[in-house]
C-alpha atoms as a PDB file:
ATOM      1  CA  UNK A   1     -25.166  35.017   9.735  1.00  0.00           C
ATOM      2  CA  UNK A   2     -25.969  31.379  10.403  1.00  0.00           C
ATOM      3  CA  UNK A   3     -28.572  30.218   7.904  1.00  0.00           C
ATOM      4  CA  UNK A   4     -28.432  26.742   9.282  1.00  0.00           C
ATOM      5  CA  UNK A   5     -31.716  27.705  10.943  1.00  0.00           C
ATOM      6  CA  UNK A   6     -33.605  27.768   7.644  1.00  0.00           C
ATOM      7  CA  UNK A   7     -35.374  24.402   7.442  1.00  0.00           C
ATOM      8  CA  UNK A   8     -37.934  24.286   4.615  1.00  0.00           C
ATOM      9  CA  UNK A   9     -39.262  20.872   5.712  1.00  0.00           C
ATOM     10  CA  UNK A  10     -40.134  21.916   9.269  1.00  0.00           C
ATOM     11  CA  UNK A  11     -41.601  25.130   7.904  1.00  0.00           C
ATOM     12  CA  UNK A  12     -43.830  23.307   5.418  1.00  0.00           C
ATOM     13  CA  UNK A  13     -45.035  20.715   7.890  1.00  0.00           C
ATOM     14  CA  UNK A  14     -45.801  23.318  10.539  1.00  0.00           C
ATOM     15  CA  UNK A  15     -47.730  25.524   8.128  1.00  0.00           C
ATOM     16  CA  UNK A  16     -49.513  22.507   6.666  1.00  0.00           C
ATOM     17  CA  UNK A  17     -50.722  21.496  10.127  1.00  0.00           C
ATOM     18  CA  UNK A  18     -52.332  24.763  11.265  1.00  0.00           C
ATOM     19  CA  UNK A  19     -52.166  27.200   8.337  1.00  0.00           C
ATOM     20  CA  UNK A  20     -50.935  30.787   8.205  1.00  0.00           C
ATOM     21  CA  UNK A  21     -51.339  31.122  11.977  1.00  0.00           C
ATOM     22  CA  UNK A  22     -48.132  29.077  12.212  1.00  0.00           C
ATOM     23  CA  UNK A  23     -46.481  32.484  11.865  1.00  0.00           C
ATOM     24  CA  UNK A  24     -47.654  33.184  15.431  1.00  0.00           C
ATOM     25  CA  UNK A  25     -45.880  30.043  16.650  1.00  0.00           C
ATOM     26  CA  UNK A  26     -42.748  31.138  14.780  1.00  0.00           C
ATOM     27  CA  UNK A  27     -42.795  34.570  16.386  1.00  0.00           C
ATOM     28  CA  UNK A  28     -43.064  33.017  19.860  1.00  0.00           C
ATOM     29  CA  UNK A  29     -40.222  30.601  19.080  1.00  0.00           C
ATOM     30  CA  UNK A  30     -38.118  33.446  17.700  1.00  0.00           C
ATOM     31  CA  UNK A  31     -38.619  35.540  20.848  1.00  0.00           C
ATOM     32  CA  UNK A  32     -37.708  32.567  23.048  1.00  0.00           C
ATOM     33  CA  UNK A  33     -34.547  32.041  21.030  1.00  0.00           C
ATOM     34  CA  UNK A  34     -33.725  35.720  21.374  1.00  0.00           C
ATOM     35  CA  UNK A  35     -33.754  35.344  25.164  1.00  0.00           C
ATOM     36  CA  UNK A  36     -31.326  32.434  24.758  1.00  0.00           C
ATOM     37  CA  UNK A  37     -29.145  34.537  22.492  1.00  0.00           C
ATOM     38  CA  UNK A  38     -29.164  37.387  25.025  1.00  0.00           C
ATOM     39  CA  UNK A  39     -28.056  34.978  27.749  1.00  0.00           C
ATOM     40  CA  UNK A  40     -25.302  33.519  25.570  1.00  0.00           C
ATOM     41  CA  UNK A  41     -24.123  37.020  24.674  1.00  0.00           C
ATOM     42  CA  UNK A  42     -23.872  37.923  28.345  1.00  0.00           C
ATOM     43  CA  UNK A  43     -21.914  34.756  29.081  1.00  0.00           C
ATOM     44  CA  UNK A  44     -19.662  35.443  26.104  1.00  0.00           C
ATOM     45  CA  UNK A  45     -18.947  38.938  27.426  1.00  0.00           C
ATOM     46  CA  UNK A  46     -18.024  37.473  30.831  1.00  0.00           C
ATOM     47  CA  UNK A  47     -15.915  34.666  29.311  1.00  0.00           C
ATOM     48  CA  UNK A  48     -14.631  36.116  26.009  1.00  0.00           C
ATOM     49  CA  UNK A  49     -11.832  33.584  25.517  1.00  0.00           C
ATOM     50  CA  UNK A  50     -14.188  30.644  25.441  1.00  0.00           C
ATOM     51  CA  UNK A  51     -12.821  27.421  23.953  1.00  0.00           C
ATOM     52  CA  UNK A  52     -15.689  24.981  24.343  1.00  0.00           C
ATOM     53  CA  UNK A  53     -18.687  27.190  23.701  1.00  0.00           C
ATOM     54  CA  UNK A  54     -21.683  25.992  25.693  1.00  0.00           C
ATOM     55  CA  UNK A  55     -19.515  23.343  27.363  1.00  0.00           C
ATOM     56  CA  UNK A  56     -17.432  25.994  29.106  1.00  0.00           C
ATOM     57  CA  UNK A  57     -20.503  27.756  30.437  1.00  0.00           C
ATOM     58  CA  UNK A  58     -22.099  24.515  31.593  1.00  0.00           C
ATOM     59  CA  UNK A  59     -18.866  23.403  33.277  1.00  0.00           C
ATOM     60  CA  UNK A  60     -18.697  26.608  35.302  1.00  0.00           C
ATOM     61  CA  UNK A  61     -22.334  26.212  36.330  1.00  0.00           C
ATOM     62  CA  UNK A  62     -22.870  22.479  36.900  1.00  0.00           C
ATOM     63  CA  UNK A  63     -19.499  20.754  36.953  1.00  0.00           C
ATOM     64  CA  UNK A  64     -17.819  18.180  34.680  1.00  0.00           C
ATOM     65  CA  UNK A  65     -20.197  15.177  34.730  1.00  0.00           C
ATOM     66  CA  UNK A  66     -23.445  17.052  33.871  1.00  0.00           C
ATOM     67  CA  UNK A  67     -21.497  18.968  31.226  1.00  0.00           C
ATOM     68  CA  UNK A  68     -20.255  15.776  29.591  1.00  0.00           C
ATOM     69  CA  UNK A  69     -23.732  14.215  29.585  1.00  0.00           C
ATOM     70  CA  UNK A  70     -25.528  17.323  28.312  1.00  0.00           C
ATOM     71  CA  UNK A  71     -22.971  18.204  25.629  1.00  0.00           C
ATOM     72  CA  UNK A  72     -22.225  14.746  24.225  1.00  0.00           C
ATOM     73  CA  UNK A  73     -25.616  13.112  24.706  1.00  0.00           C
ATOM     74  CA  UNK A  74     -27.935  16.071  24.325  1.00  0.00           C
ATOM     75  CA  UNK A  75     -26.023  18.323  21.954  1.00  0.00           C
ATOM     76  CA  UNK A  76     -23.304  16.716  19.851  1.00  0.00           C
ATOM     77  CA  UNK A  77     -25.167  13.498  19.044  1.00  0.00           C
ATOM     78  CA  UNK A  78     -28.498  15.314  18.574  1.00  0.00           C
ATOM     79  CA  UNK A  79     -27.017  17.803  16.101  1.00  0.00           C
ATOM     80  CA  UNK A  80     -25.165  15.113  14.165  1.00  0.00           C
ATOM     81  CA  UNK A  81     -28.381  13.113  13.777  1.00  0.00           C
ATOM     82  CA  UNK A  82     -30.431  16.154  12.736  1.00  0.00           C
ATOM     83  CA  UNK A  83     -27.813  16.987  10.107  1.00  0.00           C
ATOM     84  CA  UNK A  84     -28.252  13.493   8.693  1.00  0.00           C
ATOM     85  CA  UNK A  85     -31.997  14.006   8.414  1.00  0.00           C
ATOM     86  CA  UNK A  86     -31.584  17.269   6.527  1.00  0.00           C
ATOM     87  CA  UNK A  87     -28.983  15.679   4.263  1.00  0.00           C
ATOM     88  CA  UNK A  88     -31.418  12.875   3.398  1.00  0.00           C
ATOM     89  CA  UNK A  89     -34.010  15.482   2.365  1.00  0.00           C
ATOM     90  CA  UNK A  90     -31.415  17.060   0.086  1.00  0.00           C
ATOM     91  CA  UNK A  91     -30.612  13.702  -1.536  1.00  0.00           C
ATOM     92  CA  UNK A  92     -34.344  13.092  -2.025  1.00  0.00           C
ATOM     93  CA  UNK A  93     -34.713  16.488  -3.708  1.00  0.00           C
ATOM     94  CA  UNK A  94     -31.764  15.853  -5.998  1.00  0.00           C
ATOM     95  CA  UNK A  95     -33.002  12.386  -6.979  1.00  0.00           C
ATOM     96  CA  UNK A  96     -36.492  13.784  -7.664  1.00  0.00           C
ATOM     97  CA  UNK A  97     -35.172  16.538  -9.909  1.00  0.00           C
ATOM     98  CA  UNK A  98     -32.075  15.029 -11.536  1.00  0.00           C
ATOM     99  CA  UNK A  99     -32.898  11.556 -12.807  1.00  0.00           C
ATOM    100  CA  UNK A 100     -29.521   9.812 -12.913  1.00  0.00           C
ATOM    101  CA  UNK A 101     -28.881   6.074 -12.363  1.00  0.00           C
ATOM    102  CA  UNK A 102     -26.939   6.640  -9.144  1.00  0.00           C
ATOM    103  CA  UNK A 103     -27.879   6.153  -5.458  1.00  0.00           C
ATOM    104  CA  UNK A 104     -29.381   9.323  -4.004  1.00  0.00           C
ATOM    105  CA  UNK A 105     -27.080   9.133  -0.979  1.00  0.00           C
ATOM    106  CA  UNK A 106     -24.142   9.823  -3.286  1.00  0.00           C
ATOM    107  CA  UNK A 107     -25.210  13.473  -3.573  1.00  0.00           C
ATOM    108  CA  UNK A 108     -25.001  13.865   0.195  1.00  0.00           C
ATOM    109  CA  UNK A 109     -21.656  12.079   0.473  1.00  0.00           C
ATOM    110  CA  UNK A 110     -20.066  14.301  -2.179  1.00  0.00           C
ATOM    111  CA  UNK A 111     -21.465  17.441  -0.527  1.00  0.00           C
ATOM    112  CA  UNK A 112     -20.229  16.373   2.917  1.00  0.00           C
ATOM    113  CA  UNK A 113     -16.714  15.550   1.681  1.00  0.00           C
ATOM    114  CA  UNK A 114     -16.395  18.896  -0.118  1.00  0.00           C
ATOM    115  CA  UNK A 115     -17.528  20.821   2.968  1.00  0.00           C
ATOM    116  CA  UNK A 116     -15.172  18.859   5.247  1.00  0.00           C
ATOM    117  CA  UNK A 117     -12.175  19.547   2.996  1.00  0.00           C
ATOM    118  CA  UNK A 118     -13.086  23.244   2.786  1.00  0.00           C
ATOM    119  CA  UNK A 119     -13.269  23.510   6.584  1.00  0.00           C
ATOM    120  CA  UNK A 120      -9.765  22.077   6.905  1.00  0.00           C
ATOM    121  CA  UNK A 121      -8.575  25.491   5.724  1.00  0.00           C
ATOM    122  CA  UNK A 122      -9.855  27.101   8.919  1.00  0.00           C
ATOM    123  CA  UNK A 123     -12.444  29.596  10.090  1.00  0.00           C
ATOM    124  CA  UNK A 124     -11.843  32.025   7.192  1.00  0.00           C
ATOM    125  CA  UNK A 125     -12.987  29.445   4.647  1.00  0.00           C
ATOM    126  CA  UNK A 126     -15.932  28.538   6.886  1.00  0.00           C
ATOM    127  CA  UNK A 127     -16.992  32.197   6.996  1.00  0.00           C
ATOM    128  CA  UNK A 128     -16.641  32.668   3.226  1.00  0.00           C
ATOM    129  CA  UNK A 129     -18.787  29.612   2.506  1.00  0.00           C
ATOM    130  CA  UNK A 130     -21.386  30.642   5.068  1.00  0.00           C
ATOM    131  CA  UNK A 131     -21.599  34.203   3.764  1.00  0.00           C
ATOM    132  CA  UNK A 132     -22.072  33.066   0.163  1.00  0.00           C
ATOM    133  CA  UNK A 133     -24.648  30.450   1.121  1.00  0.00           C
ATOM    134  CA  UNK A 134     -26.491  32.943   3.340  1.00  0.00           C
ATOM    135  CA  UNK A 135     -26.803  35.468   0.521  1.00  0.00           C
ATOM    136  CA  UNK A 136     -28.026  32.925  -2.034  1.00  0.00           C
ATOM    137  CA  UNK A 137     -30.314  30.996   0.319  1.00  0.00           C
ATOM    138  CA  UNK A 138     -31.973  33.984   1.944  1.00  0.00           C
ATOM    139  CA  UNK A 139     -32.321  35.741  -1.406  1.00  0.00           C
ATOM    140  CA  UNK A 140     -33.873  32.687  -3.081  1.00  0.00           C
ATOM    141  CA  UNK A 141     -36.381  32.050  -0.309  1.00  0.00           C
ATOM    142  CA  UNK A 142     -37.318  35.730  -0.135  1.00  0.00           C
ATOM    143  CA  UNK A 143     -37.982  35.921  -3.879  1.00  0.00           C
ATOM    144  CA  UNK A 144     -39.958  32.652  -3.926  1.00  0.00           C
ATOM    145  CA  UNK A 145     -41.961  33.797  -0.919  1.00  0.00           C
ATOM    146  CA  UNK A 146     -42.783  37.197  -2.403  1.00  0.00           C
ATOM    147  CA  UNK A 147     -43.847  35.633  -5.715  1.00  0.00           C
ATOM    148  CA  UNK A 148     -46.227  33.342  -3.849  1.00  0.00           C
ATOM    149  CA  UNK A 149     -47.467  35.949  -1.382  1.00  0.00           C
ATOM    150  CA  UNK A 150     -48.528  38.364  -4.154  1.00  0.00           C
ATOM    151  CA  UNK A 151     -49.886  35.633  -6.432  1.00  0.00           C
ATOM    152  CA  UNK A 152     -47.327  36.210  -9.182  1.00  0.00           C
ATOM    153  CA  UNK A 153     -46.614  32.533  -9.897  1.00  0.00           C
ATOM    154  CA  UNK A 154     -47.420  30.719 -13.118  1.00  0.00           C
ATOM    155  CA  UNK A 155     -49.270  27.919 -11.326  1.00  0.00           C
ATOM    156  CA  UNK A 156     -52.931  27.780 -10.297  1.00  0.00           C
ATOM    157  CA  UNK A 157     -53.780  29.525  -7.026  1.00  0.00           C
ATOM    158  CA  UNK A 158     -55.749  27.611  -4.398  1.00  0.00           C
ATOM    159  CA  UNK A 159     -58.577  28.769  -2.158  1.00  0.00           C
ATOM    160  CA  UNK A 160     -58.134  27.659   1.447  1.00  0.00           C
ATOM    161  CA  UNK A 161     -58.578  29.056   4.981  1.00  0.00           C
ATOM    162  CA  UNK A 162     -55.845  30.999   6.708  1.00  0.00           C
ATOM    163  CA  UNK A 163     -56.278  28.980   9.901  1.00  0.00           C
ATOM    164  CA  UNK A 164     -56.759  25.237  10.377  1.00  0.00           C
ATOM    165  CA  UNK A 165     -57.248  25.447  14.149  1.00  0.00           C
ATOM    166  CA  UNK A 166     -60.018  26.696  16.401  1.00  0.00           C
ATOM    167  CA  UNK A 167     -58.012  27.545  19.537  1.00  0.00           C
ATOM    168  CA  UNK A 168     -54.899  29.573  20.291  1.00  0.00           C
ATOM    169  CA  UNK A 169     -53.706  26.642  22.403  1.00  0.00           C
ATOM    170  CA  UNK A 170     -53.195  24.648  19.209  1.00  0.00           C
ATOM    171  CA  UNK A 171     -51.003  27.432  17.869  1.00  0.00           C
ATOM    172  CA  UNK A 172     -48.921  27.470  21.057  1.00  0.00           C
ATOM    173  CA  UNK A 173     -48.512  23.703  20.848  1.00  0.00           C
ATOM    174  CA  UNK A 174     -46.776  24.171  17.490  1.00  0.00           C
ATOM    175  CA  UNK A 175     -44.055  26.319  19.046  1.00  0.00           C
ATOM    176  CA  UNK A 176     -42.007  23.138  19.535  1.00  0.00           C
ATOM    177  CA  UNK A 177     -42.006  22.581  15.755  1.00  0.00           C
ATOM    178  CA  UNK A 178     -41.280  26.249  15.085  1.00  0.00           C
ATOM    179  CA  UNK A 179     -38.388  26.137  17.560  1.00  0.00           C
ATOM    180  CA  UNK A 180     -36.440  23.903  15.161  1.00  0.00           C
ATOM    181  CA  UNK A 181     -36.461  26.710  12.607  1.00  0.00           C
ATOM    182  CA  UNK A 182     -34.193  28.855  14.786  1.00  0.00           C
ATOM    183  CA  UNK A 183     -31.777  26.390  16.387  1.00  0.00           C
ATOM    184  CA  UNK A 184     -28.146  27.078  15.518  1.00  0.00           C
ATOM    185  CA  UNK A 185     -27.413  30.668  16.561  1.00  0.00           C
ATOM    186  CA  UNK A 186     -25.147  29.394  19.350  1.00  0.00           C
ATOM    187  CA  UNK A 187     -22.719  27.958  16.781  1.00  0.00           C
ATOM    188  CA  UNK A 188     -21.046  31.363  16.571  1.00  0.00           C
ATOM    189  CA  UNK A 189     -19.879  31.172  20.213  1.00  0.00           C
ATOM    190  CA  UNK A 190     -16.830  28.877  19.713  1.00  0.00           C
ATOM    191  CA  UNK A 191     -15.496  31.191  16.971  1.00  0.00           C
ATOM    192  CA  UNK A 192     -16.473  34.457  18.693  1.00  0.00           C
ATOM    193  CA  UNK A 193     -12.892  35.041  19.821  1.00  0.00           C
ATOM    194  CA  UNK A 194     -12.016  35.504  16.131  1.00  0.00           C
ATOM    195  CA  UNK A 195     -14.736  38.141  15.634  1.00  0.00           C
ATOM    196  CA  UNK A 196     -13.872  41.847  15.714  1.00  0.00           C
ATOM    197  CA  UNK A 197     -15.621  43.728  18.533  1.00  0.00           C
ATOM    198  CA  UNK A 198     -17.269  40.488  19.688  1.00  0.00           C
ATOM    199  CA  UNK A 199     -19.198  42.118  22.555  1.00  0.00           C
ATOM    200  CA  UNK A 200     -21.223  44.103  20.013  1.00  0.00           C
ATOM    201  CA  UNK A 201     -21.118  42.032  16.825  1.00  0.00           C
ATOM    202  CA  UNK A 202     -21.863  38.586  18.279  1.00  0.00           C
ATOM    203  CA  UNK A 203     -25.215  39.463  19.930  1.00  0.00           C
ATOM    204  CA  UNK A 204     -26.152  41.887  17.139  1.00  0.00           C
ATOM    205  CA  UNK A 205     -25.467  39.294  14.456  1.00  0.00           C
ATOM    206  CA  UNK A 206     -27.436  36.580  16.250  1.00  0.00           C
ATOM    207  CA  UNK A 207     -30.416  38.867  16.907  1.00  0.00           C
ATOM    208  CA  UNK A 208     -30.547  40.175  13.338  1.00  0.00           C
ATOM    209  CA  UNK A 209     -30.201  36.642  12.008  1.00  0.00           C
ATOM    210  CA  UNK A 210     -33.129  35.345  14.078  1.00  0.00           C
ATOM    211  CA  UNK A 211     -35.374  38.271  13.135  1.00  0.00           C
ATOM    212  CA  UNK A 212     -34.502  38.009   9.441  1.00  0.00           C
ATOM    213  CA  UNK A 213     -35.150  34.270   9.333  1.00  0.00           C
ATOM    214  CA  UNK A 214     -38.515  34.753  11.055  1.00  0.00           C
ATOM    215  CA  UNK A 215     -39.505  37.416   8.524  1.00  0.00           C
ATOM    216  CA  UNK A 216     -38.482  35.409   5.459  1.00  0.00           C
ATOM    217  CA  UNK A 217     -40.169  32.237   6.666  1.00  0.00           C
ATOM    218  CA  UNK A 218     -43.348  34.182   7.441  1.00  0.00           C
ATOM    219  CA  UNK A 219     -43.389  35.403   3.831  1.00  0.00           C
ATOM    220  CA  UNK A 220     -42.922  31.794   2.687  1.00  0.00           C
ATOM    221  CA  UNK A 221     -45.940  30.682   4.745  1.00  0.00           C
ATOM    222  CA  UNK A 222     -48.084  33.316   3.014  1.00  0.00           C
ATOM    223  CA  UNK A 223     -46.834  31.960  -0.294  1.00  0.00           C
ATOM    224  CA  UNK A 224     -47.763  28.411   0.765  1.00  0.00           C
ATOM    225  CA  UNK A 225     -51.303  29.626   1.473  1.00  0.00           C
ATOM    226  CA  UNK A 226     -51.786  30.812  -2.107  1.00  0.00           C
ATOM    227  CA  UNK A 227     -50.305  27.889  -4.013  1.00  0.00           C
ATOM    228  CA  UNK A 228     -50.118  24.715  -1.885  1.00  0.00           C
ATOM    229  CA  UNK A 229     -53.047  22.917  -0.202  1.00  0.00           C
ATOM    230  CA  UNK A 230     -52.381  22.550   3.514  1.00  0.00           C
ATOM    231  CA  UNK A 231     -53.035  18.793   3.516  1.00  0.00           C
ATOM    232  CA  UNK A 232     -50.590  18.138   0.672  1.00  0.00           C
ATOM    233  CA  UNK A 233     -48.011  20.409   2.292  1.00  0.00           C
ATOM    234  CA  UNK A 234     -48.182  18.553   5.613  1.00  0.00           C
ATOM    235  CA  UNK A 235     -48.003  15.099   3.981  1.00  0.00           C
ATOM    236  CA  UNK A 236     -45.156  15.909   1.596  1.00  0.00           C
ATOM    237  CA  UNK A 237     -41.653  14.560   2.259  1.00  0.00           C
ATOM    238  CA  UNK A 238     -40.241  17.695   0.616  1.00  0.00           C
ATOM    239  CA  UNK A 239     -42.759  20.553   1.083  1.00  0.00           C
ATOM    240  CA  UNK A 240     -40.465  23.144  -0.488  1.00  0.00           C
ATOM    241  CA  UNK A 241     -40.261  21.142  -3.725  1.00  0.00           C
ATOM    242  CA  UNK A 242     -44.040  20.829  -3.799  1.00  0.00           C
ATOM    243  CA  UNK A 243     -44.407  24.584  -3.321  1.00  0.00           C
ATOM    244  CA  UNK A 244     -41.822  25.408  -5.979  1.00  0.00           C
ATOM    245  CA  UNK A 245     -43.496  23.131  -8.538  1.00  0.00           C
ATOM    246  CA  UNK A 246     -46.974  24.492  -7.768  1.00  0.00           C
ATOM    247  CA  UNK A 247     -45.644  28.044  -7.970  1.00  0.00           C
ATOM    248  CA  UNK A 248     -43.489  28.025 -11.105  1.00  0.00           C
ATOM    249  CA  UNK A 249     -43.754  24.521 -12.546  1.00  0.00           C
ATOM    250  CA  UNK A 250     -40.552  22.650 -13.404  1.00  0.00           C
ATOM    251  CA  UNK A 251     -38.479  25.812 -13.059  1.00  0.00           C
ATOM    252  CA  UNK A 252     -39.760  26.278  -9.506  1.00  0.00           C
ATOM    253  CA  UNK A 253     -38.924  22.684  -8.610  1.00  0.00           C
ATOM    254  CA  UNK A 254     -35.367  23.076  -9.890  1.00  0.00           C
ATOM    255  CA  UNK A 255     -35.042  26.380  -8.028  1.00  0.00           C
ATOM    256  CA  UNK A 256     -36.198  24.782  -4.791  1.00  0.00           C
ATOM    257  CA  UNK A 257     -33.761  21.906  -5.308  1.00  0.00           C
ATOM    258  CA  UNK A 258     -31.051  24.555  -5.456  1.00  0.00           C
ATOM    259  CA  UNK A 259     -32.414  25.984  -2.189  1.00  0.00           C
ATOM    260  CA  UNK A 260     -32.264  22.477  -0.644  1.00  0.00           C
ATOM    261  CA  UNK A 261     -28.628  22.193  -1.742  1.00  0.00           C
ATOM    262  CA  UNK A 262     -27.804  25.552  -0.163  1.00  0.00           C
ATOM    263  CA  UNK A 263     -29.585  24.573   3.058  1.00  0.00           C
ATOM    264  CA  UNK A 264     -27.621  21.349   3.430  1.00  0.00           C
ATOM    265  CA  UNK A 265     -24.326  23.138   2.666  1.00  0.00           C
ATOM    266  CA  UNK A 266     -25.125  25.637   5.407  1.00  0.00           C
ATOM    267  CA  UNK A 267     -26.061  22.857   7.829  1.00  0.00           C
ATOM    268  CA  UNK A 268     -23.027  20.699   7.101  1.00  0.00           C
ATOM    269  CA  UNK A 269     -20.697  23.702   7.146  1.00  0.00           C
ATOM    270  CA  UNK A 270     -22.006  24.865  10.532  1.00  0.00           C
ATOM    271  CA  UNK A 271     -21.946  21.356  11.975  1.00  0.00           C
ATOM    272  CA  UNK A 272     -18.417  20.534  10.833  1.00  0.00           C
ATOM    273  CA  UNK A 273     -16.960  23.816  12.065  1.00  0.00           C
ATOM    274  CA  UNK A 274     -19.104  24.362  15.153  1.00  0.00           C
ATOM    275  CA  UNK A 275     -19.003  20.838  16.577  1.00  0.00           C
ATOM    276  CA  UNK A 276     -15.300  20.504  15.790  1.00  0.00           C
ATOM    277  CA  UNK A 277     -14.670  23.718  17.731  1.00  0.00           C
ATOM    278  CA  UNK A 278     -16.735  22.482  20.666  1.00  0.00           C
ATOM    279  CA  UNK A 279     -14.930  19.132  20.743  1.00  0.00           C
ATOM    280  CA  UNK A 280     -11.573  20.898  20.551  1.00  0.00           C
ATOM    281  CA  UNK A 281     -12.530  23.148  23.462  1.00  0.00           C
ATOM    282  CA  UNK A 282     -13.794  20.226  25.548  1.00  0.00           C
ATOM    283  CA  UNK A 283     -10.488  18.426  24.898  1.00  0.00           C
ATOM    284  CA  UNK A 284      -8.627  21.472  26.238  1.00  0.00           C
ATOM    285  CA  UNK A 285     -10.794  21.209  29.361  1.00  0.00           C
ATOM    286  CA  UNK A 286      -9.769  17.528  29.690  1.00  0.00           C
ATOM    287  CA  UNK A 287     -13.281  16.326  28.896  1.00  0.00           C
ATOM    288  CA  UNK A 288     -12.406  14.617  25.594  1.00  0.00           C
ATOM    289  CA  UNK A 289      -9.362  12.861  24.219  1.00  0.00           C
ATOM    290  CA  UNK A 290      -6.238  14.965  23.963  1.00  0.00           C
ATOM    291  CA  UNK A 291      -5.780  14.458  20.210  1.00  0.00           C
ATOM    292  CA  UNK A 292      -8.843  16.645  19.560  1.00  0.00           C
ATOM    293  CA  UNK A 293      -6.948  19.697  20.840  1.00  0.00           C
ATOM    294  CA  UNK A 294      -5.158  20.017  17.499  1.00  0.00           C
ATOM    295  CA  UNK A 295      -6.808  22.765  15.408  1.00  0.00           C
ATOM    296  CA  UNK A 296      -8.488  21.328  12.322  1.00  0.00           C
ATOM    297  CA  UNK A 297      -6.750  23.761   9.982  1.00  0.00           C
ATOM    298  CA  UNK A 298      -3.295  22.346  10.881  1.00  0.00           C
ATOM    299  CA  UNK A 299      -3.939  19.562   8.395  1.00  0.00           C
ATOM    300  CA  UNK A 300      -3.043  21.983   5.602  1.00  0.00           C
ATOM    301  CA  UNK A 301      -1.020  24.374   7.763  1.00  0.00           C
ATOM    302  CA  UNK A 302       1.277  22.043   9.685  1.00  0.00           C
ATOM    303  CA  UNK A 303       3.836  24.793  10.296  1.00  0.00           C
ATOM    304  CA  UNK A 304       1.435  26.703  12.585  1.00  0.00           C
END
């Protein structure tokens, strides 16, 4: 399961803008992403030995030049930049919780280097890291959400409306923000050839992942409603830290810092493995430099 899609910051800002009804925007975004997943699953069944993921599908449909522009300009660069943004939020959370006389960016650099080295051992190590992070991240967010939803926190509960909008059109307009919560399911495509019974497991895994993330984040929004004023949530640079502190005090803030660490590990792990696989596949299709065709795990397995 790809938990790269869990983004506490986007979730907090979306909920802070319109209230609990942001769940409606999330459901719409989730359904739209499920149609994308269904399409990708169909393409994966037709082209099971894919090497470049989305690039291979786009090449067959539009040709080489549009593929190069869309993949490099609209996909690779965009995902690299978004990973940097999420990493900066992690460094902010660490600096806010652990007061050490070191630059906050150092936390991100150390995390990135560790994840890069781990991914040099191949897709098995990637999967082990992702599975562990998924279990801890999803479990932590579910518990924190349930505590807030049922008013079981140690902090003071707040009284505020469920909705901050007067029209359903304002809810629909937030679908673009909610969409960011689910981006990343397609990262499984480049490694799908290594999955047992890929025709069944790839679409099933992506669908279950999207539905589970939507459910957990909906529970979190209900927790936000009980413990975090909407205005403060929207204005906060780290909404999840604000929620954790309001919910359980210092312990909640530390717990949410741990969640931020897990989220950035998931993001960096998916980005390093997924984008490397896409670049490798595009090199095999003569759309990137030939040196990228070498599998990343040959660094430590040169005899392969």
